[in-house]
């Protein structure tokens, strides 16, 4: 998760545009974030700190061949 401060005029839908992974239903993402932060999406205020989930890529490690740094 990352903490984001809601900008002036910002909404959870705006945050969804930036932070929701591609292909994720935005309404579900907004509902999850609202529930996770115990906030009413319609009553969010500028300056509110909101914890939002972020997708990360898994790190894949490959063994080195002998003689390679």
C-alpha atoms as a PDB file:
ATOM      1  CA  UNK A   1       0.000   0.000   0.000  1.00  0.00           C
ATOM      2  CA  UNK A   2       0.941   3.607  -0.460  1.00  0.00           C
ATOM      3  CA  UNK A   3      -0.497   6.627   1.359  1.00  0.00           C
ATOM      4  CA  UNK A   4      -1.848   9.334  -0.918  1.00  0.00           C
ATOM      5  CA  UNK A   5      -3.131  12.774   0.081  1.00  0.00           C
ATOM      6  CA  UNK A   6      -6.339  13.726  -1.712  1.00  0.00           C
ATOM      7  CA  UNK A   7      -5.745  16.932  -3.699  1.00  0.00           C
ATOM      8  CA  UNK A   8      -8.148  19.870  -3.891  1.00  0.00           C
ATOM      9  CA  UNK A   9     -11.149  18.715  -5.917  1.00  0.00           C
ATOM     10  CA  UNK A  10      -9.885  15.112  -5.875  1.00  0.00           C
ATOM     11  CA  UNK A  11     -12.052  12.029  -5.508  1.00  0.00           C
ATOM     12  CA  UNK A  12     -11.474   8.322  -4.985  1.00  0.00           C
ATOM     13  CA  UNK A  13     -12.386   7.923  -8.649  1.00  0.00           C
ATOM     14  CA  UNK A  14      -9.464  10.201  -9.545  1.00  0.00           C
ATOM     15  CA  UNK A  15      -7.183   8.052  -7.396  1.00  0.00           C
ATOM     16  CA  UNK A  16      -8.549   4.955  -9.138  1.00  0.00           C
ATOM     17  CA  UNK A  17      -7.525   6.422 -12.495  1.00  0.00           C
ATOM     18  CA  UNK A  18      -3.959   6.694 -11.254  1.00  0.00           C
ATOM     19  CA  UNK A  19      -3.526   3.745  -8.888  1.00  0.00           C
ATOM     20  CA  UNK A  20      -5.979   0.977  -9.845  1.00  0.00           C
ATOM     21  CA  UNK A  21      -4.329  -1.762 -11.903  1.00  0.00           C
ATOM     22  CA  UNK A  22      -5.317  -2.064 -15.563  1.00  0.00           C
ATOM     23  CA  UNK A  23      -8.338  -4.272 -16.043  1.00  0.00           C
ATOM     24  CA  UNK A  24      -9.613  -3.839 -12.475  1.00  0.00           C
ATOM     25  CA  UNK A  25     -13.222  -2.714 -12.063  1.00  0.00           C
ATOM     26  CA  UNK A  26     -12.931   0.896 -10.870  1.00  0.00           C
ATOM     27  CA  UNK A  27     -16.145   0.779  -8.824  1.00  0.00           C
ATOM     28  CA  UNK A  28     -14.862  -2.251  -6.909  1.00  0.00           C
ATOM     29  CA  UNK A  29     -11.480  -0.579  -6.380  1.00  0.00           C
ATOM     30  CA  UNK A  30     -13.128   2.595  -5.045  1.00  0.00           C
ATOM     31  CA  UNK A  31     -15.353   0.536  -2.725  1.00  0.00           C
ATOM     32  CA  UNK A  32     -12.344  -1.441  -1.447  1.00  0.00           C
ATOM     33  CA  UNK A  33     -10.330   1.713  -0.759  1.00  0.00           C
ATOM     34  CA  UNK A  34     -13.297   3.387   0.963  1.00  0.00           C
ATOM     35  CA  UNK A  35     -13.842   0.318   3.142  1.00  0.00           C
ATOM     36  CA  UNK A  36     -10.131  -0.085   3.905  1.00  0.00           C
ATOM     37  CA  UNK A  37      -9.916   3.557   5.024  1.00  0.00           C
ATOM     38  CA  UNK A  38     -13.370   3.678   6.687  1.00  0.00           C
ATOM     39  CA  UNK A  39     -14.392   6.706   4.615  1.00  0.00           C
ATOM     40  CA  UNK A  40     -17.456   7.711   2.641  1.00  0.00           C
ATOM     41  CA  UNK A  41     -16.326   8.186  -0.981  1.00  0.00           C
ATOM     42  CA  UNK A  42     -18.910  10.951  -1.442  1.00  0.00           C
ATOM     43  CA  UNK A  43     -17.639  12.890   1.579  1.00  0.00           C
ATOM     44  CA  UNK A  44     -13.881  12.767   1.017  1.00  0.00           C
ATOM     45  CA  UNK A  45     -12.075  16.036   1.721  1.00  0.00           C
ATOM     46  CA  UNK A  46      -8.893  17.560   0.284  1.00  0.00           C
ATOM     47  CA  UNK A  47      -5.908  16.796   2.476  1.00  0.00           C
ATOM     48  CA  UNK A  48      -7.276  13.408   3.564  1.00  0.00           C
ATOM     49  CA  UNK A  49      -4.551  10.755   3.679  1.00  0.00           C
ATOM     50  CA  UNK A  50      -5.789   7.577   1.990  1.00  0.00           C
ATOM     51  CA  UNK A  51      -4.086   4.199   1.939  1.00  0.00           C
ATOM     52  CA  UNK A  52      -4.358   2.687  -1.540  1.00  0.00           C
ATOM     53  CA  UNK A  53      -3.211  -0.716  -2.768  1.00  0.00           C
ATOM     54  CA  UNK A  54      -0.613  -0.699  -5.500  1.00  0.00           C
ATOM     55  CA  UNK A  55       0.235  -3.543  -7.799  1.00  0.00           C
ATOM     56  CA  UNK A  56       3.846  -4.614  -7.880  1.00  0.00           C
ATOM     57  CA  UNK A  57       5.651  -6.837 -10.294  1.00  0.00           C
ATOM     58  CA  UNK A  58       7.111  -9.989  -8.824  1.00  0.00           C
ATOM     59  CA  UNK A  59      10.883 -10.169  -8.700  1.00  0.00           C
ATOM     60  CA  UNK A  60      12.237 -13.194 -10.500  1.00  0.00           C
ATOM     61  CA  UNK A  61      15.747 -14.304  -9.674  1.00  0.00           C
ATOM     62  CA  UNK A  62      17.710 -16.425 -12.116  1.00  0.00           C
ATOM     63  CA  UNK A  63      20.820 -18.317 -11.086  1.00  0.00           C
ATOM     64  CA  UNK A  64      24.087 -17.120 -12.588  1.00  0.00           C
ATOM     65  CA  UNK A  65      26.064 -19.386 -14.826  1.00  0.00           C
ATOM     66  CA  UNK A  66      29.565 -20.256 -13.706  1.00  0.00           C
ATOM     67  CA  UNK A  67      31.995 -17.505 -14.624  1.00  0.00           C
ATOM     68  CA  UNK A  68      29.351 -14.724 -14.866  1.00  0.00           C
ATOM     69  CA  UNK A  69      29.431 -11.833 -12.392  1.00  0.00           C
END
